[in-house]
Amino acid sequence: MISYGMAKARAMAGRDDWNAREAIRSATILWYDTEDKGYELEVENEDDLDAEDFSAWVEENADSLVQEDAAANGTTFEGIEDIDYETEWIDDDALFEAEYADACESEWEWMTGR
């Protein structure tokens, strides 16, 4: 098994954005109805899509998502004012540590026949 330090150094060398990436957790669509009353619709990134894919999906489907929300609120959708995204930093150190621990356990199980 490769040492923790060497494995982490290799992983970090493969990325120029280590601990500098963000993930989009949700989008809030600000929309208004025919009476200019404002509403917010929050859309969670349940599938953990990357930022580009999730924002593209939200922007592509915003009208239909808001129309469903308008129907649920008993009003008529007039337009979208803004889409805000809630982001979160990706902790590459924590992700690496979990993956390394899993690899060590897998190797230990293989070596001991478990």
PDB file of N, CA and C in Angstrom:
ATOM      1  N   MET A   1       0.853  -1.182   0.000  1.00  0.00           N
ATOM      2  CA  MET A   1       0.000   0.000   0.000  1.00  0.00           C
ATOM      3  C   MET A   1       0.888   1.231   0.000  1.00  0.00           C
ATOM      4  N   ILE A   2       0.537   2.177  -0.808  1.00  0.00           N
ATOM      5  CA  ILE A   2       1.281   3.429  -0.873  1.00  0.00           C
ATOM      6  C   ILE A   2       1.001   4.239   0.400  1.00  0.00           C
ATOM      7  N   SER A   3       2.000   4.960   0.869  1.00  0.00           N
ATOM      8  CA  SER A   3       1.828   5.734   2.101  1.00  0.00           C
ATOM      9  C   SER A   3       0.815   6.857   1.890  1.00  0.00           C
ATOM     10  N   TYR A   4       0.244   7.301   2.995  1.00  0.00           N
ATOM     11  CA  TYR A   4      -0.749   8.371   2.957  1.00  0.00           C
ATOM     12  C   TYR A   4      -0.171   9.630   2.312  1.00  0.00           C
ATOM     13  N   GLY A   5       1.018  10.007   2.744  1.00  0.00           N
ATOM     14  CA  GLY A   5       1.641  11.231   2.232  1.00  0.00           C
ATOM     15  C   GLY A   5       1.899  11.170   0.740  1.00  0.00           C
ATOM     16  N   MET A   6       2.408  10.033   0.275  1.00  0.00           N
ATOM     17  CA  MET A   6       2.680   9.898  -1.160  1.00  0.00           C
ATOM     18  C   MET A   6       1.384   9.884  -1.964  1.00  0.00           C
ATOM     19  N   ALA A   7       0.390   9.174  -1.453  1.00  0.00           N
ATOM     20  CA  ALA A   7      -0.885   9.106  -2.165  1.00  0.00           C
ATOM     21  C   ALA A   7      -1.531  10.486  -2.252  1.00  0.00           C
ATOM     22  N   LYS A   8      -1.463  11.239  -1.152  1.00  0.00           N
ATOM     23  CA  LYS A   8      -2.062  12.575  -1.162  1.00  0.00           C
ATOM     24  C   LYS A   8      -1.289  13.514  -2.086  1.00  0.00           C
ATOM     25  N   ALA A   9       0.033  13.403  -2.075  1.00  0.00           N
ATOM     26  CA  ALA A   9       0.842  14.241  -2.966  1.00  0.00           C
ATOM     27  C   ALA A   9       0.500  13.954  -4.425  1.00  0.00           C
ATOM     28  N   ARG A  10       0.321  12.682  -4.757  1.00  0.00           N
ATOM     29  CA  ARG A  10      -0.051  12.328  -6.133  1.00  0.00           C
ATOM     30  C   ARG A  10      -1.436  12.867  -6.484  1.00  0.00           C
ATOM     31  N   ALA A  11      -2.364  12.736  -5.532  1.00  0.00           N
ATOM     32  CA  ALA A  11      -3.722  13.229  -5.784  1.00  0.00           C
ATOM     33  C   ALA A  11      -3.724  14.742  -5.971  1.00  0.00           C
ATOM     34  N   MET A  12      -2.964  15.446  -5.143  1.00  0.00           N
ATOM     35  CA  MET A  12      -2.907  16.907  -5.240  1.00  0.00           C
ATOM     36  C   MET A  12      -2.211  17.353  -6.522  1.00  0.00           C
ATOM     37  N   ALA A  13      -1.228  16.590  -6.967  1.00  0.00           N
ATOM     38  CA  ALA A  13      -0.513  16.941  -8.198  1.00  0.00           C
ATOM     39  C   ALA A  13      -1.428  16.819  -9.413  1.00  0.00           C
ATOM     40  N   GLY A  14      -2.426  15.963  -9.304  1.00  0.00           N
ATOM     41  CA  GLY A  14      -3.351  15.762 -10.409  1.00  0.00           C
ATOM     42  C   GLY A  14      -4.432  16.828 -10.515  1.00  0.00           C
ATOM     43  N   ARG A  15      -4.490  17.745  -9.556  1.00  0.00           N
ATOM     44  CA  ARG A  15      -5.518  18.791  -9.558  1.00  0.00           C
ATOM     45  C   ARG A  15      -4.874  20.138  -9.317  1.00  0.00           C
ATOM     46  N   ASP A  16      -5.222  21.107 -10.099  1.00  0.00           N
ATOM     47  CA  ASP A  16      -4.719  22.452  -9.834  1.00  0.00           C
ATOM     48  C   ASP A  16      -5.727  23.275  -9.029  1.00  0.00           C
ATOM     49  N   ASP A  17      -6.851  22.659  -8.688  1.00  0.00           N
ATOM     50  CA  ASP A  17      -7.886  23.364  -7.924  1.00  0.00           C
ATOM     51  C   ASP A  17      -8.186  22.670  -6.590  1.00  0.00           C
ATOM     52  N   TRP A  18      -7.161  22.072  -5.979  1.00  0.00           N
ATOM     53  CA  TRP A  18      -7.334  21.345  -4.716  1.00  0.00           C
ATOM     54  C   TRP A  18      -7.880  22.294  -3.652  1.00  0.00           C
ATOM     55  N   ASN A  19      -8.972  21.925  -3.044  1.00  0.00           N
ATOM     56  CA  ASN A  19      -9.662  22.724  -2.019  1.00  0.00           C
ATOM     57  C   ASN A  19     -10.069  24.111  -2.520  1.00  0.00           C
ATOM     58  N   ALA A  20     -10.201  24.274  -3.815  1.00  0.00           N
ATOM     59  CA  ALA A  20     -10.602  25.567  -4.372  1.00  0.00           C
ATOM     60  C   ALA A  20     -11.878  25.452  -5.205  1.00  0.00           C
ATOM     61  N   ARG A  21     -12.502  24.283  -5.178  1.00  0.00           N
ATOM     62  CA  ARG A  21     -13.711  24.063  -5.974  1.00  0.00           C
ATOM     63  C   ARG A  21     -14.956  24.314  -5.130  1.00  0.00           C
ATOM     64  N   GLU A  22     -16.012  24.673  -5.815  1.00  0.00           N
ATOM     65  CA  GLU A  22     -17.299  24.861  -5.165  1.00  0.00           C
ATOM     66  C   GLU A  22     -18.322  23.942  -5.810  1.00  0.00           C
ATOM     67  N   ALA A  23     -19.269  23.514  -5.003  1.00  0.00           N
ATOM     68  CA  ALA A  23     -20.383  22.722  -5.500  1.00  0.00           C
ATOM     69  C   ALA A  23     -21.662  23.512  -5.256  1.00  0.00           C
ATOM     70  N   ILE A  24     -22.585  23.432  -6.181  1.00  0.00           N
ATOM     71  CA  ILE A  24     -23.876  24.087  -5.995  1.00  0.00           C
ATOM     72  C   ILE A  24     -24.779  23.116  -5.249  1.00  0.00           C
ATOM     73  N   ARG A  25     -25.286  23.558  -4.103  1.00  0.00           N
ATOM     74  CA  ARG A  25     -26.174  22.728  -3.287  1.00  0.00           C
ATOM     75  C   ARG A  25     -27.638  22.939  -3.646  1.00  0.00           C
ATOM     76  N   SER A  26     -27.988  24.182  -4.004  1.00  0.00           N
ATOM     77  CA  SER A  26     -29.378  24.460  -4.355  1.00  0.00           C
ATOM     78  C   SER A  26     -29.461  25.742  -5.179  1.00  0.00           C
ATOM     79  N   ALA A  27     -30.613  25.902  -5.783  1.00  0.00           N
ATOM     80  CA  ALA A  27     -30.908  27.123  -6.532  1.00  0.00           C
ATOM     81  C   ALA A  27     -32.226  27.676  -6.016  1.00  0.00           C
ATOM     82  N   THR A  28     -32.300  28.973  -5.880  1.00  0.00           N
ATOM     83  CA  THR A  28     -33.545  29.630  -5.494  1.00  0.00           C
ATOM     84  C   THR A  28     -34.004  30.482  -6.671  1.00  0.00           C
ATOM     85  N   ILE A  29     -35.158  30.126  -7.185  1.00  0.00           N
ATOM     86  CA  ILE A  29     -35.726  30.854  -8.318  1.00  0.00           C
ATOM     87  C   ILE A  29     -36.700  31.890  -7.757  1.00  0.00           C
ATOM     88  N   LEU A  30     -36.414  33.149  -8.018  1.00  0.00           N
ATOM     89  CA  LEU A  30     -37.291  34.242  -7.593  1.00  0.00           C
ATOM     90  C   LEU A  30     -38.218  34.559  -8.757  1.00  0.00           C
ATOM     91  N   TRP A  31     -39.514  34.377  -8.537  1.00  0.00           N
ATOM     92  CA  TRP A  31     -40.471  34.605  -9.609  1.00  0.00           C
ATOM     93  C   TRP A  31     -41.644  35.429  -9.091  1.00  0.00           C
ATOM     94  N   TYR A  32     -42.425  35.967 -10.021  1.00  0.00           N
ATOM     95  CA  TYR A  32     -43.575  36.779  -9.634  1.00  0.00           C
ATOM     96  C   TYR A  32     -44.790  36.362 -10.453  1.00  0.00           C
ATOM     97  N   ASP A  33     -45.957  36.662  -9.874  1.00  0.00           N
ATOM     98  CA  ASP A  33     -47.199  36.301 -10.550  1.00  0.00           C
ATOM     99  C   ASP A  33     -47.788  37.518 -11.269  1.00  0.00           C
ATOM    100  N   THR A  34     -48.993  37.358 -11.789  1.00  0.00           N
ATOM    101  CA  THR A  34     -49.620  38.436 -12.565  1.00  0.00           C
ATOM    102  C   THR A  34     -49.960  39.654 -11.713  1.00  0.00           C
ATOM    103  N   GLU A  35     -49.983  39.489 -10.397  1.00  0.00           N
ATOM    104  CA  GLU A  35     -50.259  40.615  -9.495  1.00  0.00           C
ATOM    105  C   GLU A  35     -48.972  41.193  -8.920  1.00  0.00           C
ATOM    106  N   ASP A  36     -47.836  40.838  -9.504  1.00  0.00           N
ATOM    107  CA  ASP A  36     -46.502  41.281  -9.077  1.00  0.00           C
ATOM    108  C   ASP A  36     -46.150  40.873  -7.651  1.00  0.00           C
ATOM    109  N   LYS A  37     -46.750  39.803  -7.183  1.00  0.00           N
ATOM    110  CA  LYS A  37     -46.383  39.251  -5.881  1.00  0.00           C
ATOM    111  C   LYS A  37     -45.202  38.308  -6.104  1.00  0.00           C
ATOM    112  N   GLY A  38     -44.174  38.434  -5.269  1.00  0.00           N
ATOM    113  CA  GLY A  38     -42.969  37.632  -5.444  1.00  0.00           C
ATOM    114  C   GLY A  38     -43.018  36.307  -4.691  1.00  0.00           C
ATOM    115  N   TYR A  39     -42.389  35.307  -5.268  1.00  0.00           N
ATOM    116  CA  TYR A  39     -42.304  33.970  -4.672  1.00  0.00           C
ATOM    117  C   TYR A  39     -40.879  33.452  -4.820  1.00  0.00           C
ATOM    118  N   GLU A  40     -40.541  32.497  -3.979  1.00  0.00           N
ATOM    119  CA  GLU A  40     -39.248  31.818  -4.074  1.00  0.00           C
ATOM    120  C   GLU A  40     -39.491  30.323  -4.202  1.00  0.00           C
ATOM    121  N   LEU A  41     -38.774  29.705  -5.111  1.00  0.00           N
ATOM    122  CA  LEU A  41     -38.823  28.255  -5.272  1.00  0.00           C
ATOM    123  C   LEU A  41     -37.409  27.732  -5.126  1.00  0.00           C
ATOM    124  N   GLU A  42     -37.204  26.865  -4.134  1.00  0.00           N
ATOM    125  CA  GLU A  42     -35.871  26.299  -3.919  1.00  0.00           C
ATOM    126  C   GLU A  42     -35.793  24.932  -4.586  1.00  0.00           C
ATOM    127  N   VAL A  43     -34.728  24.733  -5.352  1.00  0.00           N
ATOM    128  CA  VAL A  43     -34.491  23.477  -6.061  1.00  0.00           C
ATOM    129  C   VAL A  43     -33.180  22.900  -5.536  1.00  0.00           C
ATOM    130  N   GLU A  44     -33.260  21.725  -4.911  1.00  0.00           N
ATOM    131  CA  GLU A  44     -32.073  21.075  -4.350  1.00  0.00           C
ATOM    132  C   GLU A  44     -31.311  20.319  -5.439  1.00  0.00           C
ATOM    133  N   ASN A  45     -30.004  20.266  -5.308  1.00  0.00           N
ATOM    134  CA  ASN A  45     -29.144  19.498  -6.217  1.00  0.00           C
ATOM    135  C   ASN A  45     -29.033  18.078  -5.658  1.00  0.00           C
ATOM    136  N   GLU A  46     -30.118  17.335  -5.739  1.00  0.00           N
ATOM    137  CA  GLU A  46     -30.206  16.008  -5.128  1.00  0.00           C
ATOM    138  C   GLU A  46     -29.282  14.986  -5.772  1.00  0.00           C
ATOM    139  N   ASP A  47     -28.982  15.162  -7.042  1.00  0.00           N
ATOM    140  CA  ASP A  47     -28.142  14.196  -7.755  1.00  0.00           C
ATOM    141  C   ASP A  47     -26.668  14.559  -7.716  1.00  0.00           C
ATOM    142  N   ASP A  48     -26.304  15.595  -6.957  1.00  0.00           N
ATOM    143  CA  ASP A  48     -24.920  16.070  -6.860  1.00  0.00           C
ATOM    144  C   ASP A  48     -24.294  16.308  -8.234  1.00  0.00           C
ATOM    145  N   LEU A  49     -25.045  16.969  -9.099  1.00  0.00           N
ATOM    146  CA  LEU A  49     -24.505  17.343 -10.404  1.00  0.00           C
ATOM    147  C   LEU A  49     -23.425  18.394 -10.205  1.00  0.00           C
ATOM    148  N   ASP A  50     -22.470  18.451 -11.122  1.00  0.00           N
ATOM    149  CA  ASP A  50     -21.456  19.498 -10.993  1.00  0.00           C
ATOM    150  C   ASP A  50     -22.107  20.852 -11.287  1.00  0.00           C
ATOM    151  N   ALA A  51     -21.400  21.913 -10.961  1.00  0.00           N
ATOM    152  CA  ALA A  51     -21.967  23.261 -11.023  1.00  0.00           C
ATOM    153  C   ALA A  51     -22.502  23.606 -12.410  1.00  0.00           C
ATOM    154  N   GLU A  52     -21.746  23.301 -13.436  1.00  0.00           N
ATOM    155  CA  GLU A  52     -22.181  23.624 -14.803  1.00  0.00           C
ATOM    156  C   GLU A  52     -23.454  22.883 -15.180  1.00  0.00           C
ATOM    157  N   ASP A  53     -23.478  21.569 -14.911  1.00  0.00           N
ATOM    158  CA  ASP A  53     -24.643  20.767 -15.281  1.00  0.00           C
ATOM    159  C   ASP A  53     -25.888  21.184 -14.507  1.00  0.00           C
ATOM    160  N   PHE A  54     -25.734  21.425 -13.191  1.00  0.00           N
ATOM    161  CA  PHE A  54     -26.894  21.796 -12.379  1.00  0.00           C
ATOM    162  C   PHE A  54     -27.441  23.161 -12.788  1.00  0.00           C
ATOM    163  N   SER A  55     -26.561  24.140 -12.956  1.00  0.00           N
ATOM    164  CA  SER A  55     -27.052  25.472 -13.338  1.00  0.00           C
ATOM    165  C   SER A  55     -27.694  25.441 -14.726  1.00  0.00           C
ATOM    166  N   ALA A  56     -27.136  24.663 -15.644  1.00  0.00           N
ATOM    167  CA  ALA A  56     -27.740  24.536 -16.978  1.00  0.00           C
ATOM    168  C   ALA A  56     -29.112  23.875 -16.887  1.00  0.00           C
ATOM    169  N   TRP A  57     -29.222  22.835 -16.045  1.00  0.00           N
ATOM    170  CA  TRP A  57     -30.507  22.146 -15.879  1.00  0.00           C
ATOM    171  C   TRP A  57     -31.547  23.085 -15.274  1.00  0.00           C
ATOM    172  N   VAL A  58     -31.157  23.832 -14.243  1.00  0.00           N
ATOM    173  CA  VAL A  58     -32.096  24.759 -13.599  1.00  0.00           C
ATOM    174  C   VAL A  58     -32.560  25.815 -14.595  1.00  0.00           C
ATOM    175  N   GLU A  59     -31.631  26.417 -15.327  1.00  0.00           N
ATOM    176  CA  GLU A  59     -32.005  27.467 -16.271  1.00  0.00           C
ATOM    177  C   GLU A  59     -32.873  26.929 -17.405  1.00  0.00           C
ATOM    178  N   GLU A  60     -32.609  25.702 -17.817  1.00  0.00           N
ATOM    179  CA  GLU A  60     -33.395  25.084 -18.888  1.00  0.00           C
ATOM    180  C   GLU A  60     -34.816  24.752 -18.421  1.00  0.00           C
ATOM    181  N   ASN A  61     -34.951  24.341 -17.161  1.00  0.00           N
ATOM    182  CA  ASN A  61     -36.241  23.880 -16.645  1.00  0.00           C
ATOM    183  C   ASN A  61     -36.931  24.877 -15.720  1.00  0.00           C
ATOM    184  N   ALA A  62     -36.390  26.068 -15.568  1.00  0.00           N
ATOM    185  CA  ALA A  62     -36.932  27.039 -14.612  1.00  0.00           C
ATOM    186  C   ALA A  62     -38.400  27.357 -14.886  1.00  0.00           C
ATOM    187  N   ASP A  63     -38.754  27.602 -16.129  1.00  0.00           N
ATOM    188  CA  ASP A  63     -40.146  27.957 -16.438  1.00  0.00           C
ATOM    189  C   ASP A  63     -41.118  26.857 -16.033  1.00  0.00           C
ATOM    190  N   SER A  64     -40.813  25.615 -16.386  1.00  0.00           N
ATOM    191  CA  SER A  64     -41.742  24.532 -16.048  1.00  0.00           C
ATOM    192  C   SER A  64     -41.788  24.284 -14.538  1.00  0.00           C
ATOM    193  N   LEU A  65     -40.647  24.415 -13.851  1.00  0.00           N
ATOM    194  CA  LEU A  65     -40.633  24.250 -12.396  1.00  0.00           C
ATOM    195  C   LEU A  65     -41.479  25.325 -11.725  1.00  0.00           C
ATOM    196  N   VAL A  66     -41.344  26.553 -12.191  1.00  0.00           N
ATOM    197  CA  VAL A  66     -42.091  27.669 -11.607  1.00  0.00           C
ATOM    198  C   VAL A  66     -43.580  27.557 -11.937  1.00  0.00           C
ATOM    199  N   GLN A  67     -43.917  27.099 -13.118  1.00  0.00           N
ATOM    200  CA  GLN A  67     -45.332  26.930 -13.460  1.00  0.00           C
ATOM    201  C   GLN A  67     -45.995  25.908 -12.541  1.00  0.00           C
ATOM    202  N   GLU A  68     -45.276  24.829 -12.207  1.00  0.00           N
ATOM    203  CA  GLU A  68     -45.800  23.848 -11.253  1.00  0.00           C
ATOM    204  C   GLU A  68     -45.980  24.486  -9.879  1.00  0.00           C
ATOM    205  N   ASP A  69     -45.006  25.306  -9.465  1.00  0.00           N
ATOM    206  CA  ASP A  69     -45.087  25.975  -8.170  1.00  0.00           C
ATOM    207  C   ASP A  69     -46.247  26.970  -8.158  1.00  0.00           C
ATOM    208  N   ALA A  70     -46.446  27.669  -9.263  1.00  0.00           N
ATOM    209  CA  ALA A  70     -47.553  28.626  -9.350  1.00  0.00           C
ATOM    210  C   ALA A  70     -48.890  27.905  -9.219  1.00  0.00           C
ATOM    211  N   ALA A  71     -49.020  26.770  -9.887  1.00  0.00           N
ATOM    212  CA  ALA A  71     -50.259  26.002  -9.790  1.00  0.00           C
ATOM    213  C   ALA A  71     -50.490  25.535  -8.353  1.00  0.00           C
ATOM    214  N   ALA A  72     -49.417  25.119  -7.676  1.00  0.00           N
ATOM    215  CA  ALA A  72     -49.533  24.680  -6.284  1.00  0.00           C
ATOM    216  C   ALA A  72     -49.919  25.837  -5.365  1.00  0.00           C
ATOM    217  N   ASN A  73     -49.506  27.058  -5.721  1.00  0.00           N
ATOM    218  CA  ASN A  73     -49.838  28.243  -4.925  1.00  0.00           C
ATOM    219  C   ASN A  73     -51.151  28.894  -5.365  1.00  0.00           C
ATOM    220  N   GLY A  74     -51.797  28.336  -6.367  1.00  0.00           N
ATOM    221  CA  GLY A  74     -53.072  28.865  -6.837  1.00  0.00           C
ATOM    222  C   GLY A  74     -52.958  30.223  -7.499  1.00  0.00           C
ATOM    223  N   THR A  75     -51.870  30.443  -8.211  1.00  0.00           N
ATOM    224  CA  THR A  75     -51.665  31.731  -8.878  1.00  0.00           C
ATOM    225  C   THR A  75     -51.160  31.495 -10.298  1.00  0.00           C
ATOM    226  N   THR A  76     -50.963  32.562 -11.029  1.00  0.00           N
ATOM    227  CA  THR A  76     -50.511  32.474 -12.418  1.00  0.00           C
ATOM    228  C   THR A  76     -49.098  33.032 -12.536  1.00  0.00           C
ATOM    229  N   PHE A  77     -48.222  32.249 -13.089  1.00  0.00           N
ATOM    230  CA  PHE A  77     -46.823  32.631 -13.282  1.00  0.00           C
ATOM    231  C   PHE A  77     -46.723  33.717 -14.346  1.00  0.00           C
ATOM    232  N   GLU A  78     -45.988  34.787 -14.005  1.00  0.00           N
ATOM    233  CA  GLU A  78     -45.802  35.887 -14.957  1.00  0.00           C
ATOM    234  C   GLU A  78     -44.368  35.934 -15.479  1.00  0.00           C
ATOM    235  N   GLY A  79     -43.378  35.789 -14.587  1.00  0.00           N
ATOM    236  CA  GLY A  79     -41.997  35.857 -15.040  1.00  0.00           C
ATOM    237  C   GLY A  79     -41.011  35.521 -13.935  1.00  0.00           C
ATOM    238  N   ILE A  80     -39.776  35.285 -14.354  1.00  0.00           N
ATOM    239  CA  ILE A  80     -38.689  34.984 -13.417  1.00  0.00           C
ATOM    240  C   ILE A  80     -37.861  36.247 -13.238  1.00  0.00           C
ATOM    241  N   GLU A  81     -37.619  36.586 -11.993  1.00  0.00           N
ATOM    242  CA  GLU A  81     -36.824  37.773 -11.697  1.00  0.00           C
ATOM    243  C   GLU A  81     -35.339  37.442 -11.615  1.00  0.00           C
ATOM    244  N   ASP A  82     -35.011  36.337 -10.935  1.00  0.00           N
ATOM    245  CA  ASP A  82     -33.598  36.009 -10.714  1.00  0.00           C
ATOM    246  C   ASP A  82     -33.476  34.551 -10.292  1.00  0.00           C
ATOM    247  N   ILE A  83     -32.288  34.009 -10.477  1.00  0.00           N
ATOM    248  CA  ILE A  83     -31.961  32.679  -9.969  1.00  0.00           C
ATOM    249  C   ILE A  83     -30.677  32.823  -9.163  1.00  0.00           C
ATOM    250  N   ASP A  84     -30.749  32.479  -7.881  1.00  0.00           N
ATOM    251  CA  ASP A  84     -29.586  32.530  -6.994  1.00  0.00           C
ATOM    252  C   ASP A  84     -29.142  31.109  -6.680  1.00  0.00           C
ATOM    253  N   TYR A  85     -27.833  30.918  -6.618  1.00  0.00           N
ATOM    254  CA  TYR A  85     -27.285  29.597  -6.327  1.00  0.00           C
ATOM    255  C   TYR A  85     -26.582  29.609  -4.980  1.00  0.00           C
ATOM    256  N   GLU A  86     -26.850  28.577  -4.173  1.00  0.00           N
ATOM    257  CA  GLU A  86     -26.163  28.409  -2.892  1.00  0.00           C
ATOM    258  C   GLU A  86     -25.020  27.423  -3.114  1.00  0.00           C
ATOM    259  N   THR A  87     -23.809  27.900  -2.858  1.00  0.00           N
ATOM    260  CA  THR A  87     -22.637  27.062  -3.096  1.00  0.00           C
ATOM    261  C   THR A  87     -21.997  26.644  -1.783  1.00  0.00           C
ATOM    262  N   GLU A  88     -21.142  25.646  -1.889  1.00  0.00           N
ATOM    263  CA  GLU A  88     -20.427  25.116  -0.732  1.00  0.00           C
ATOM    264  C   GLU A  88     -19.046  24.683  -1.215  1.00  0.00           C
ATOM    265  N   TRP A  89     -18.026  24.988  -0.416  1.00  0.00           N
ATOM    266  CA  TRP A  89     -16.672  24.581  -0.791  1.00  0.00           C
ATOM    267  C   TRP A  89     -16.538  23.069  -0.704  1.00  0.00           C
ATOM    268  N   ILE A  90     -15.842  22.493  -1.661  1.00  0.00           N
ATOM    269  CA  ILE A  90     -15.567  21.057  -1.651  1.00  0.00           C
ATOM    270  C   ILE A  90     -14.281  20.843  -0.873  1.00  0.00           C
ATOM    271  N   ASP A  91     -14.354  20.028   0.162  1.00  0.00           N
ATOM    272  CA  ASP A  91     -13.196  19.735   1.003  1.00  0.00           C
ATOM    273  C   ASP A  91     -12.468  18.525   0.420  1.00  0.00           C
ATOM    274  N   ASP A  92     -11.518  18.787  -0.473  1.00  0.00           N
ATOM    275  CA  ASP A  92     -10.783  17.701  -1.114  1.00  0.00           C
ATOM    276  C   ASP A  92      -9.973  16.895  -0.105  1.00  0.00           C
ATOM    277  N   ASP A  93      -9.491  17.537   0.969  1.00  0.00           N
ATOM    278  CA  ASP A  93      -8.744  16.812   1.999  1.00  0.00           C
ATOM    279  C   ASP A  93      -9.621  15.744   2.646  1.00  0.00           C
ATOM    280  N   ALA A  94     -10.842  16.112   3.008  1.00  0.00           N
ATOM    281  CA  ALA A  94     -11.756  15.159   3.640  1.00  0.00           C
ATOM    282  C   ALA A  94     -12.150  14.047   2.673  1.00  0.00           C
ATOM    283  N   LEU A  95     -12.403  14.400   1.416  1.00  0.00           N
ATOM    284  CA  LEU A  95     -12.745  13.383   0.420  1.00  0.00           C
ATOM    285  C   LEU A  95     -11.594  12.404   0.222  1.00  0.00           C
ATOM    286  N   PHE A  96     -10.372  12.936   0.138  1.00  0.00           N
ATOM    287  CA  PHE A  96      -9.211  12.074  -0.037  1.00  0.00           C
ATOM    288  C   PHE A  96      -9.038  11.159   1.171  1.00  0.00           C
ATOM    289  N   GLU A  97      -9.184  11.714   2.365  1.00  0.00           N
ATOM    290  CA  GLU A  97      -9.000  10.922   3.582  1.00  0.00           C
ATOM    291  C   GLU A  97      -9.987   9.756   3.634  1.00  0.00           C
ATOM    292  N   ALA A  98     -11.233  10.005   3.270  1.00  0.00           N
ATOM    293  CA  ALA A  98     -12.241   8.944   3.262  1.00  0.00           C
ATOM    294  C   ALA A  98     -11.913   7.884   2.215  1.00  0.00           C
ATOM    295  N   GLU A  99     -11.508   8.316   1.025  1.00  0.00           N
ATOM    296  CA  GLU A  99     -11.161   7.358  -0.030  1.00  0.00           C
ATOM    297  C   GLU A  99      -9.928   6.545   0.345  1.00  0.00           C
ATOM    298  N   TYR A 100      -8.948   7.190   0.971  1.00  0.00           N
ATOM    299  CA  TYR A 100      -7.733   6.487   1.378  1.00  0.00           C
ATOM    300  C   TYR A 100      -8.058   5.464   2.463  1.00  0.00           C
ATOM    301  N   ALA A 101      -8.897   5.831   3.424  1.00  0.00           N
ATOM    302  CA  ALA A 101      -9.289   4.900   4.488  1.00  0.00           C
ATOM    303  C   ALA A 101     -10.026   3.701   3.901  1.00  0.00           C
ATOM    304  N   ASP A 102     -10.903   3.938   2.932  1.00  0.00           N
ATOM    305  CA  ASP A 102     -11.617   2.840   2.276  1.00  0.00           C
ATOM    306  C   ASP A 102     -10.653   1.927   1.531  1.00  0.00           C
ATOM    307  N   ALA A 103      -9.673   2.506   0.856  1.00  0.00           N
ATOM    308  CA  ALA A 103      -8.690   1.703   0.122  1.00  0.00           C
ATOM    309  C   ALA A 103      -7.849   0.869   1.081  1.00  0.00           C
ATOM    310  N   CYS A 104      -7.453   1.448   2.205  1.00  0.00           N
ATOM    311  CA  CYS A 104      -6.666   0.706   3.196  1.00  0.00           C
ATOM    312  C   CYS A 104      -7.466  -0.456   3.763  1.00  0.00           C
ATOM    313  N   GLU A 105      -8.729  -0.206   4.081  1.00  0.00           N
ATOM    314  CA  GLU A 105      -9.573  -1.268   4.626  1.00  0.00           C
ATOM    315  C   GLU A 105      -9.780  -2.372   3.605  1.00  0.00           C
ATOM    316  N   SER A 106      -9.981  -1.998   2.355  1.00  0.00           N
ATOM    317  CA  SER A 106     -10.159  -2.986   1.297  1.00  0.00           C
ATOM    318  C   SER A 106      -8.908  -3.839   1.132  1.00  0.00           C
ATOM    319  N   GLU A 107      -7.749  -3.194   1.155  1.00  0.00           N
ATOM    320  CA  GLU A 107      -6.503  -3.945   1.026  1.00  0.00           C
ATOM    321  C   GLU A 107      -6.287  -4.856   2.228  1.00  0.00           C
ATOM    322  N   TRP A 108      -6.604  -4.364   3.427  1.00  0.00           N
ATOM    323  CA  TRP A 108      -6.450  -5.185   4.632  1.00  0.00           C
ATOM    324  C   TRP A 108      -7.363  -6.405   4.556  1.00  0.00           C
ATOM    325  N   GLU A 109      -8.604  -6.216   4.100  1.00  0.00           N
ATOM    326  CA  GLU A 109      -9.531  -7.339   3.969  1.00  0.00           C
ATOM    327  C   GLU A 109      -9.029  -8.339   2.937  1.00  0.00           C
ATOM    328  N   TRP A 110      -8.456  -7.853   1.852  1.00  0.00           N
ATOM    329  CA  TRP A 110      -7.928  -8.742   0.827  1.00  0.00           C
ATOM    330  C   TRP A 110      -6.749  -9.539   1.385  1.00  0.00           C
ATOM    331  N   MET A 111      -5.867  -8.879   2.135  1.00  0.00           N
ATOM    332  CA  MET A 111      -4.678  -9.545   2.674  1.00  0.00           C
ATOM    333  C   MET A 111      -5.031 -10.562   3.756  1.00  0.00           C
ATOM    334  N   THR A 112      -6.089 -10.313   4.513  1.00  0.00           N
ATOM    335  CA  THR A 112      -6.460 -11.219   5.603  1.00  0.00           C
ATOM    336  C   THR A 112      -7.526 -12.215   5.186  1.00  0.00           C
ATOM    337  N   GLY A 113      -8.007 -12.112   3.974  1.00  0.00           N
ATOM    338  CA  GLY A 113      -8.987 -13.067   3.474  1.00  0.00           C
ATOM    339  C   GLY A 113     -10.390 -12.855   4.018  1.00  0.00           C
ATOM    340  N   ARG A 114     -10.690 -11.680   4.481  1.00  0.00           N
ATOM    341  CA  ARG A 114     -12.025 -11.408   5.031  1.00  0.00           C
ATOM    342  C   ARG A 114     -13.013 -11.053   3.977  1.00  0.00           C
TER     343      ARG A 114
END
